[in-house]
Protein backbone atom coordinates (compact mmCIF):
# COMPACT_ATOMS: atom_id res chain seq x y z
CA MET A 1 11.43 -29.84 -4.36
CA GLN A 2 10.02 -27.07 -6.54
CA LYS A 3 11.94 -24.18 -8.08
CA ILE A 4 10.61 -20.80 -6.95
CA VAL A 5 11.92 -17.80 -8.84
CA ILE A 6 11.42 -14.22 -7.63
CA ILE A 7 12.00 -11.26 -9.96
CA GLY A 8 12.90 -8.24 -7.84
CA ASN A 9 15.10 -7.97 -4.75
CA GLY A 10 13.21 -5.24 -2.90
CA VAL A 11 11.40 -5.75 0.38
CA ALA A 12 8.55 -7.72 -1.24
CA GLY A 13 10.77 -10.17 -3.10
CA ILE A 14 13.25 -10.67 -0.27
CA THR A 15 10.53 -11.16 2.35
CA THR A 16 9.07 -13.86 0.11
CA ALA A 17 12.44 -15.58 -0.20
CA ARG A 18 13.09 -15.52 3.54
CA HIS A 19 9.67 -16.89 4.43
CA VAL A 20 9.73 -19.58 1.73
CA ARG A 21 13.01 -20.75 3.26
CA LYS A 22 11.46 -20.82 6.74
CA LEU A 23 8.58 -22.93 5.42
CA SER A 24 10.24 -25.29 2.94
CA ASP A 25 13.36 -26.76 1.35
CA ASP A 26 12.36 -25.49 -2.09
CA GLN A 27 14.97 -24.07 -4.41
CA ILE A 28 14.85 -20.26 -4.31
CA THR A 29 16.34 -17.83 -6.82
CA VAL A 30 16.06 -14.04 -6.56
CA ILE A 31 16.78 -12.08 -9.74
CA SER A 32 17.62 -8.37 -9.95
CA GLY A 33 19.65 -6.24 -12.30
CA GLU A 34 19.67 -3.30 -9.87
CA THR A 35 22.09 -4.46 -7.17
CA ASP A 36 23.82 -7.64 -6.01
CA HIS A 37 22.06 -7.62 -2.65
CA PHE A 38 18.91 -6.37 -0.98
CA PHE A 39 19.23 -2.84 0.40
CA SER A 40 16.92 -0.40 2.16
CA ARG A 41 15.45 1.77 -0.61
CA THR A 42 14.29 4.38 1.89
CA ALA A 43 17.95 4.91 2.87
CA LEU A 44 19.09 6.05 -0.60
CA MET A 45 18.79 9.68 0.53
CA TYR A 46 21.20 9.10 3.41
CA ILE A 47 23.88 7.75 1.08
CA TYR A 48 23.70 10.98 -0.94
CA MET A 49 23.73 13.09 2.23
CA GLY A 50 26.83 11.31 3.54
CA HIS A 51 25.13 9.81 6.60
CA MET A 52 25.55 6.22 5.38
CA LYS A 53 27.50 4.18 2.87
CA TYR A 54 25.79 1.72 0.55
CA GLU A 55 27.03 -1.26 2.58
CA ASN A 56 25.33 0.23 5.67
CA THR A 57 21.93 0.03 3.92
CA LYS A 58 22.03 -3.77 3.53
CA PRO A 59 19.94 -5.36 6.32
CA TYR A 60 21.70 -8.72 5.92
CA GLU A 61 25.37 -9.64 5.72
CA ASP A 62 26.53 -10.91 2.33
CA TRP A 63 27.04 -14.44 3.73
CA PHE A 64 23.36 -14.63 4.77
CA TRP A 65 22.14 -15.69 1.32
CA GLU A 66 24.40 -18.69 0.82
CA LYS A 67 23.88 -19.83 4.41
CA ASN A 68 20.11 -19.81 3.87
CA ARG A 69 20.34 -21.40 0.40
CA ILE A 70 18.87 -18.40 -1.41
CA ASP A 71 20.48 -18.02 -4.83
CA LEU A 72 21.01 -14.45 -6.01
CA LYS A 73 21.35 -13.66 -9.70
CA LYS A 74 22.28 -10.17 -10.86
CA ALA A 75 20.77 -9.85 -14.33
CA TRP A 76 18.08 -8.01 -16.26
CA VAL A 77 15.16 -10.12 -17.44
CA LYS A 78 14.33 -9.63 -21.12
CA SER A 79 11.11 -11.64 -21.37
CA ILE A 80 9.07 -14.46 -19.82
CA ASP A 81 7.53 -17.41 -21.66
CA PHE A 82 4.58 -18.23 -19.42
CA ASP A 83 3.64 -21.34 -21.42
CA LYS A 84 7.10 -22.88 -21.12
CA LYS A 85 7.63 -21.47 -17.62
CA GLU A 86 10.91 -19.99 -18.74
CA ILE A 87 12.68 -16.68 -18.11
CA GLN A 88 14.87 -15.19 -20.84
CA PHE A 89 17.70 -12.90 -19.80
CA GLU A 90 19.43 -10.27 -21.87
CA GLY A 91 21.74 -12.43 -23.97
CA SER A 92 21.10 -16.12 -24.62
CA GLU A 93 20.75 -17.39 -21.03
CA SER A 94 17.42 -18.65 -19.71
CA MET A 95 16.01 -20.10 -16.48
CA ALA A 96 13.07 -22.42 -15.82
CA TYR A 97 10.69 -22.06 -12.90
CA ASP A 98 7.86 -23.97 -11.24
CA LYS A 99 6.39 -20.95 -9.49
CA LEU A 100 7.15 -17.33 -10.34
CA ILE A 101 6.71 -14.26 -8.12
CA LEU A 102 6.79 -10.87 -9.84
CA ALA A 103 8.05 -8.17 -7.48
CA THR A 104 9.14 -5.68 -10.13
CA GLY A 105 8.35 -2.53 -8.16
CA SER A 106 7.54 0.90 -9.56
CA GLN A 107 8.79 3.35 -12.16
CA SER A 108 8.91 7.15 -11.92
CA ASN A 109 6.09 8.99 -13.68
CA LYS A 110 6.64 11.28 -16.65
CA PHE A 111 3.87 13.18 -18.38
CA GLY A 112 5.31 14.08 -21.75
CA TRP A 113 6.76 17.49 -20.90
CA PRO A 114 9.02 18.96 -23.58
CA GLY A 115 12.60 18.46 -22.38
CA GLN A 116 11.84 15.72 -19.84
CA ASP A 117 14.59 13.49 -21.29
CA LEU A 118 17.35 16.10 -21.20
CA ASN A 119 20.53 15.47 -19.24
CA GLY A 120 20.11 16.76 -15.72
CA VAL A 121 16.45 15.73 -15.54
CA GLN A 122 15.54 12.61 -13.55
CA GLY A 123 13.40 10.87 -10.97
CA LEU A 124 14.54 9.03 -7.84
CA TYR A 125 13.57 5.42 -7.27
CA SER A 126 16.45 3.02 -7.96
CA TYR A 127 20.09 2.73 -6.98
CA GLN A 128 20.92 3.70 -10.56
CA ASP A 129 18.88 6.89 -10.06
CA LEU A 130 21.03 7.69 -7.01
CA GLU A 131 24.22 7.22 -9.03
CA LEU A 132 22.79 9.44 -11.77
CA MET A 133 21.84 12.12 -9.23
CA GLU A 134 25.43 12.17 -7.96
CA LYS A 135 26.56 12.86 -11.51
CA ASN A 136 23.77 15.29 -12.40
CA THR A 137 24.12 17.53 -9.34
CA THR A 138 27.89 18.06 -9.47
CA GLY A 139 28.49 21.79 -9.75
CA VAL A 140 24.78 22.63 -9.78
CA LYS A 141 23.90 26.15 -8.58
CA GLN A 142 20.07 25.88 -8.69
CA ALA A 143 17.67 22.94 -8.66
CA ILE A 144 13.98 22.58 -9.46
CA ILE A 145 11.79 19.83 -8.00
CA LEU A 146 8.39 19.07 -9.45
CA GLY A 147 5.72 17.19 -7.48
CA GLY A 148 4.53 17.54 -3.90
CA GLY A 149 4.96 14.06 -2.47
CA LEU A 150 7.29 12.00 -0.31
CA ILE A 151 10.01 11.41 -2.93
CA GLY A 152 10.06 15.12 -3.73
CA VAL A 153 10.59 16.22 -0.14
CA GLU A 154 13.34 13.60 0.24
CA MET A 155 15.08 14.97 -2.85
CA ALA A 156 14.71 18.51 -1.49
CA GLU A 157 16.41 17.49 1.75
CA MET A 158 19.17 15.71 -0.18
CA LEU A 159 19.95 18.80 -2.25
CA HIS A 160 19.61 21.08 0.78
CA SER A 161 22.28 19.00 2.58
CA ARG A 162 24.74 20.04 -0.16
CA HIS A 163 23.68 23.69 -0.02
CA ILE A 164 22.04 23.55 -3.47
CA PRO A 165 19.14 26.05 -3.57
CA VAL A 166 15.82 24.36 -4.32
CA THR A 167 12.70 25.78 -5.93
CA TYR A 168 9.85 23.34 -5.36
CA LEU A 169 6.83 23.44 -7.71
CA ILE A 170 3.50 21.91 -6.66
CA ARG A 171 0.09 22.06 -8.33
CA GLU A 172 -1.83 22.04 -5.07
CA GLU A 173 -2.49 24.88 -2.64
CA HIS A 174 -0.36 23.13 0.00
CA PHE A 175 2.38 20.51 0.09
CA TRP A 176 0.94 16.99 -0.33
CA GLY A 177 -2.47 18.61 -0.47
CA ASN A 178 -4.01 15.58 -2.17
CA MET A 179 -3.25 13.48 0.92
CA LEU A 180 -3.11 15.78 3.95
CA PRO A 181 -5.84 17.89 5.56
CA GLU A 182 -5.23 21.64 5.36
CA GLU A 183 -3.93 22.08 8.93
CA GLU A 184 -1.20 19.45 8.58
CA ALA A 185 -0.31 20.52 5.05
CA THR A 186 0.04 24.14 6.21
CA LEU A 187 2.33 23.01 9.04
CA ILE A 188 4.62 21.25 6.55
CA ASP A 189 4.54 24.27 4.21
CA GLY A 190 5.95 26.33 7.06
CA HIS A 191 8.59 23.74 7.93
CA LEU A 192 9.83 23.60 4.33
CA ALA A 193 10.10 27.39 4.27
CA LYS A 194 11.97 27.33 7.60
CA ASN A 195 14.52 25.01 5.95
CA GLY A 196 15.07 27.36 3.05
CA ILE A 197 12.96 25.60 0.42
CA ASP A 198 11.30 27.97 -2.05
CA LEU A 199 7.87 26.33 -2.24
CA ARG A 200 5.78 27.55 -5.19
CA GLN A 201 2.16 26.49 -4.67
CA GLN A 202 -0.32 26.13 -7.53
CA THR A 203 2.48 26.25 -10.08
CA GLU A 204 2.62 23.86 -13.04
CA LEU A 205 5.39 22.99 -15.46
CA GLU A 206 5.07 23.93 -19.13
CA GLU A 207 8.45 22.82 -20.45
CA ILE A 208 12.06 22.08 -19.55
CA ILE A 209 14.48 24.26 -21.51
CA ASP A 210 17.47 22.88 -23.44
CA ASN A 211 20.80 24.72 -23.24
CA GLY A 212 21.49 23.74 -26.85
CA ASN A 213 23.75 20.84 -25.88
CA GLY A 214 21.16 18.40 -24.59
CA ARG A 215 21.24 19.57 -20.99
CA VAL A 216 18.67 21.45 -18.93
CA LYS A 217 19.24 25.18 -18.40
CA GLY A 218 15.88 26.15 -16.95
CA ILE A 219 12.13 25.59 -16.87
CA LYS A 220 9.06 27.49 -17.98
CA THR A 221 5.89 27.43 -15.91
CA LYS A 222 2.37 27.54 -17.33
CA SER A 223 2.14 31.16 -16.19
CA GLY A 224 5.12 31.97 -18.43
CA GLU A 225 7.76 32.40 -15.71
CA ILE A 226 11.29 31.26 -16.62
CA ILE A 227 13.40 29.85 -13.78
CA ASP A 228 17.08 29.11 -14.43
CA CYS A 229 18.38 25.77 -13.15
CA GLN A 230 20.87 23.02 -13.92
CA PHE A 231 18.92 20.13 -12.39
CA VAL A 232 15.25 19.10 -12.46
CA GLY A 233 13.86 16.40 -10.18
CA LEU A 234 10.67 14.83 -11.54
CA THR A 235 8.95 13.44 -8.45
CA VAL A 236 5.34 13.34 -9.62
CA GLY A 237 4.65 9.88 -8.26
CA VAL A 238 5.32 6.37 -9.50
CA HIS A 239 3.42 3.70 -11.39
CA PRO A 240 3.64 -0.11 -11.34
CA ASN A 241 6.44 -1.55 -13.46
CA LEU A 242 4.64 -3.65 -16.09
CA ASP A 243 7.51 -3.95 -18.59
CA LEU A 244 7.79 -7.74 -18.33
CA VAL A 245 4.08 -8.46 -18.73
CA LYS A 246 3.09 -6.04 -21.47
CA GLU A 247 1.47 -7.85 -24.41
CA THR A 248 1.42 -11.17 -22.52
CA LYS A 249 -1.41 -13.30 -21.16
CA VAL A 250 -0.98 -11.74 -17.71
CA GLU A 251 -3.99 -9.48 -17.06
CA THR A 252 -3.15 -5.90 -16.15
CA ASP A 253 -4.90 -2.62 -15.42
CA ARG A 254 -2.78 0.09 -13.80
CA GLY A 255 -0.91 -2.76 -12.12
CA ILE A 256 -0.67 -6.55 -12.44
CA LEU A 257 -4.11 -7.81 -11.44
CA VAL A 258 -4.11 -10.34 -8.60
CA ASP A 259 -6.78 -12.17 -6.64
CA GLU A 260 -7.07 -12.46 -2.86
CA ASN A 261 -4.21 -15.00 -2.88
CA LEU A 262 -2.01 -12.64 -4.92
CA GLN A 263 -2.15 -14.93 -7.95
CA THR A 264 -2.26 -13.43 -11.43
CA SER A 265 -4.42 -14.64 -14.33
CA VAL A 266 -1.66 -17.13 -15.20
CA PRO A 267 -1.36 -20.31 -13.08
CA ASP A 268 1.70 -20.45 -10.78
CA VAL A 269 2.49 -16.76 -11.36
CA TYR A 270 2.03 -14.25 -8.53
CA ALA A 271 2.57 -10.50 -8.19
CA ILE A 272 3.36 -8.59 -4.99
CA GLY A 273 4.45 -5.17 -3.83
CA ASP A 274 4.32 -1.97 -5.85
CA CYS A 275 3.55 -3.75 -9.15
CA ALA A 276 0.46 -5.59 -7.84
CA GLN A 277 -3.15 -4.38 -8.10
CA LEU A 278 -5.83 -6.13 -6.06
CA LYS A 279 -8.90 -6.98 -8.13
CA ASN A 280 -11.14 -6.76 -5.07
CA PRO A 281 -9.42 -4.77 -2.34
CA PRO A 282 -10.94 -4.51 1.15
CA SER A 283 -13.23 -1.50 1.52
CA HIS A 284 -10.69 0.36 3.67
CA ARG A 285 -7.72 -0.21 1.33
CA ARG A 286 -6.65 0.91 -2.16
CA PRO A 287 -6.09 -1.46 -5.11
CA ILE A 288 -2.44 -0.36 -5.39
CA GLU A 289 -0.46 0.56 -2.27
CA ALA A 290 3.17 1.33 -3.07
CA VAL A 291 4.59 1.39 0.45
CA TRP A 292 7.26 -0.86 1.91
CA TYR A 293 5.21 -2.56 4.61
CA VAL A 294 2.57 -3.65 2.07
CA GLY A 295 5.35 -5.34 0.11
CA ARG A 296 6.52 -7.04 3.29
CA MET A 297 3.04 -8.33 4.19
CA MET A 298 2.40 -9.51 0.63
CA GLY A 299 5.73 -11.34 0.70
CA GLU A 300 4.82 -13.15 3.92
CA THR A 301 1.40 -14.07 2.50
CA VAL A 302 2.52 -15.35 -0.89
CA ALA A 303 5.30 -17.41 0.71
CA ARG A 304 2.68 -19.45 2.56
CA THR A 305 0.62 -19.92 -0.61
CA VAL A 306 3.47 -21.09 -2.86
CA THR A 307 4.64 -23.56 -0.20
CA GLY A 308 1.25 -25.26 -0.04
CA ASN A 309 -0.75 -23.28 2.53
CA LYS A 310 -3.10 -21.16 0.40
CA THR A 311 -3.48 -17.87 2.27
CA LYS A 312 -5.61 -14.79 1.66
CA TYR A 313 -3.94 -11.40 1.77
CA GLN A 314 -5.49 -9.56 4.72
CA PRO A 315 -3.72 -6.24 5.24
CA GLY A 316 -5.67 -5.01 8.27
CA VAL A 317 -5.48 -1.38 9.45
CA TRP A 318 -3.69 1.01 7.11
CA PHE A 319 -0.57 2.69 8.41
CA ASN A 320 2.27 4.70 6.94
CA SER A 321 5.19 6.80 8.09
CA ALA A 322 7.54 9.36 6.57
CA LYS A 323 9.84 12.24 7.44
CA PHE A 324 9.66 15.86 6.27
CA PHE A 325 13.11 17.23 7.07
CA ASP A 326 12.98 17.30 10.91
CA ILE A 327 9.32 16.35 11.35
CA GLU A 328 8.41 12.68 11.62
CA TYR A 329 4.95 11.65 10.36
CA GLN A 330 2.79 8.67 11.25
CA ASN A 331 -0.65 7.77 9.93
CA TYR A 332 -2.94 5.02 11.20
CA GLY A 333 -6.38 4.29 9.76
CA THR A 334 -8.17 6.70 7.42
CA VAL A 335 -7.51 10.44 7.43
CA LEU A 336 -8.59 12.08 4.17
CA PRO A 337 -7.82 15.65 3.00
CA GLY A 338 -11.46 16.52 3.71
CA CYS A 339 -13.46 15.27 6.68
CA PRO A 340 -16.08 12.71 5.49
CA GLU A 341 -19.78 13.34 6.01
CA GLY A 342 -20.88 12.06 9.40
CA SER A 343 -17.36 12.39 10.81
CA GLY A 344 -15.69 14.95 13.01
CA SER A 345 -12.08 15.88 13.64
CA PHE A 346 -10.09 16.70 16.75
CA TYR A 347 -6.95 18.75 16.13
CA TRP A 348 -4.19 19.92 18.42
CA GLU A 349 -1.12 21.86 17.31
CA CYS A 350 1.91 22.81 19.38
CA VAL A 351 2.84 26.48 19.67
CA ASP A 352 6.13 25.73 17.84
CA LYS A 353 4.09 24.71 14.76
CA GLU A 354 6.18 21.54 14.38
CA LYS A 355 3.97 19.06 16.24
CA CYS A 356 0.32 18.19 15.83
CA ILE A 357 -2.25 15.43 16.05
CA LYS A 358 -5.43 15.05 13.98
CA ILE A 359 -7.97 12.36 14.95
CA ILE A 360 -10.99 11.54 12.76
CA TYR A 361 -14.03 10.03 14.49
CA LYS A 362 -17.66 9.17 13.80
CA LYS A 363 -19.92 11.88 15.19
CA ASP A 364 -22.65 9.52 16.37
CA SER A 365 -20.49 7.09 18.34
CA LEU A 366 -17.12 8.88 18.65
CA GLU A 367 -15.51 5.73 17.17
CA VAL A 368 -12.06 6.73 15.94
CA GLN A 369 -11.35 6.07 12.27
CA GLY A 370 -7.81 7.36 11.89
CA VAL A 371 -5.03 9.61 13.14
CA ASN A 372 -2.21 11.77 11.77
CA LEU A 373 0.76 12.45 14.04
CA PHE A 374 3.49 14.98 13.25
CA GLY A 375 6.56 15.39 15.45
CA ILE A 376 5.23 12.98 18.10
CA ARG A 377 6.09 9.28 18.02
CA ASN A 378 3.38 6.76 18.88
CA ARG A 379 3.46 2.97 19.03
CA HIS A 380 2.07 1.16 16.01
CA GLU A 381 0.81 -1.81 17.99
CA ILE A 382 -1.22 0.43 20.31
CA TRP A 383 -2.96 2.36 17.52
CA ASN A 384 -3.56 -0.84 15.56
CA LYS A 385 -5.22 -2.32 18.66
CA TRP A 386 -7.38 0.77 19.30
CA LEU A 387 -8.58 1.00 15.69
CA THR A 388 -9.24 -2.74 15.46
CA GLU A 389 -11.25 -2.60 18.69
CA LYS A 390 -13.14 0.50 17.40
CA ARG A 391 -12.29 2.52 20.50
CA PRO A 392 -14.06 5.91 20.99
CA LEU A 393 -12.28 9.24 20.99
CA ASP A 394 -12.53 9.85 24.74
CA TYR A 395 -10.99 6.44 25.50
CA ILE A 396 -8.06 7.10 23.17
CA ILE A 397 -7.44 10.63 24.48
CA SER A 398 -7.51 9.31 28.04
CA ASN A 399 -5.02 6.55 27.22
CA LEU A 400 -2.84 8.54 24.81
CA PRO A 401 0.25 8.42 27.08
CA GLU A 402 0.26 4.62 26.63
CA ALA A 403 1.04 5.06 22.93
CA ASN A 404 3.91 7.53 23.29
CA PHE A 405 7.44 6.36 22.54
CA ASP A 406 9.34 9.60 22.12
CA PRO A 407 12.97 9.36 23.32
CA GLU A 408 13.77 9.76 27.01
CA PHE A 409 13.75 13.34 28.30
CA PHE A 410 11.57 14.56 25.40
CA LYS A 411 8.65 16.65 26.54
CA HIS A 412 5.34 14.80 26.59
CA TRP A 413 2.41 16.66 25.06
CA GLU A 414 -0.45 14.42 26.10
CA GLY A 415 -1.46 16.71 28.96
CA GLU A 416 -1.97 19.68 26.62
CA ILE A 417 -3.84 17.47 24.16
CA GLN A 418 -6.12 16.20 26.94
CA GLN A 419 -6.79 19.75 28.15
CA LYS A 420 -7.86 20.77 24.64
CA PHE A 421 -10.12 17.72 24.43
CA ASN A 422 -11.78 18.59 27.76
CA ALA A 423 -12.40 22.14 26.51
CA GLU A 424 -14.06 20.88 23.32
CA PHE A 425 -15.95 17.95 24.90
CA PRO A 426 -17.15 19.14 28.34
CA ASP A 427 -19.44 16.10 28.72
CA LYS A 428 -16.57 13.62 28.07
CA GLN A 429 -13.95 14.79 30.55
CA VAL A 430 -10.71 12.78 30.85
CA ASN A 431 -7.98 12.91 33.48
CA VAL A 432 -5.13 15.19 32.43
CA ARG A 433 -1.66 13.66 32.51
CA LYS A 434 0.65 15.33 35.00
CA LYS A 435 4.35 15.87 34.41
CA GLY A 436 6.63 13.19 35.84
CA PHE A 437 9.49 13.98 38.21
CA LEU A 438 12.21 13.84 35.51
CA GLU A 439 10.14 16.00 33.14
CA LYS A 440 9.88 18.70 35.79
CA LEU A 441 13.65 18.60 36.22
CA PHE A 442 14.89 18.31 32.64
CA VAL A 443 12.14 19.35 30.19
């Protein structure tokens, strides 16, 4: 029996622990100083908004860990001696390991702005950040958020739920403009405005202003504008947490470098999740992918390797999902802000400007390369199958109803999408979906 130690109790670390237990009788210890138990990090916003309590965010009952012989240790790791295979905690306690999995996650970015360490200025990543936000936003009359990404829009919704006015500064011309094509980004711009968010495009931060007592009282933009506020959310992305491997023999770049088996440069030491950087990523994937499902897949993969079945990490088709206030977003495959050379795009937008679909395809063969969906739910397994099989655009448009899984009695939009396709591709006509009996009655 070997001793497997996992540092980090997020989705990557916990998936590893669960799958190691399924595959072996090895001793498993999960270490985290953040919380006693695994919780859903994406649900932090709902705790703040009053929709959930912390205990509701734990996917497993507290008895699960002992029943499955997974030891949990709440502690902060101070250092690791990779030669001795020993972990040193804050204090004098230490722990030996046979195999070590680093699942240390991410840290919020800061870029050296004057005033970034003032009270009332923070990011949002950990449970401790949530507790700090509770404290920092008490009595706040105006908030500033900096950074047009997913954490920023979550923070905006959190503050909006407590009727705290939000001014949202982004460098780009549109929200999430470095990731979304212009049509989709414009749609989200409008939705943020509809929800009362003061979105300031192409606006950059110069400094955060001190009230003289170590707390924020406002910000100054690079154009010289002063905006009063009592809270600043710094949501300009995250970076891999390398604190435990700095100045050690573990090779790093932006993240902890790992091979195709997720092993680091040190024998018996692996890195997974947000902190890991693939040395040789597949052509359709990025070296660092800080999303929950990547952590889950890496956890499943490394569990097989450390229990004796050496397994390559093969992530397959990219997918992601998010929520922008009331609009759900799904992405499968590759959809870049600009359409690549040799590719075309098919775009449909609902008249309510809260639903759309963008499909990228190769012009020569019509093979679909990726899709963005806003306000329309589609099945992951169907899109994964279509993209893996390299299905052409006309096939996918014809079979689009098969992918839909909007709730019952929701209006289906596939017929309108198919009509637009037929208008744009007269030589590739598809049958247009007709309304069902219940739709005619209730929608």
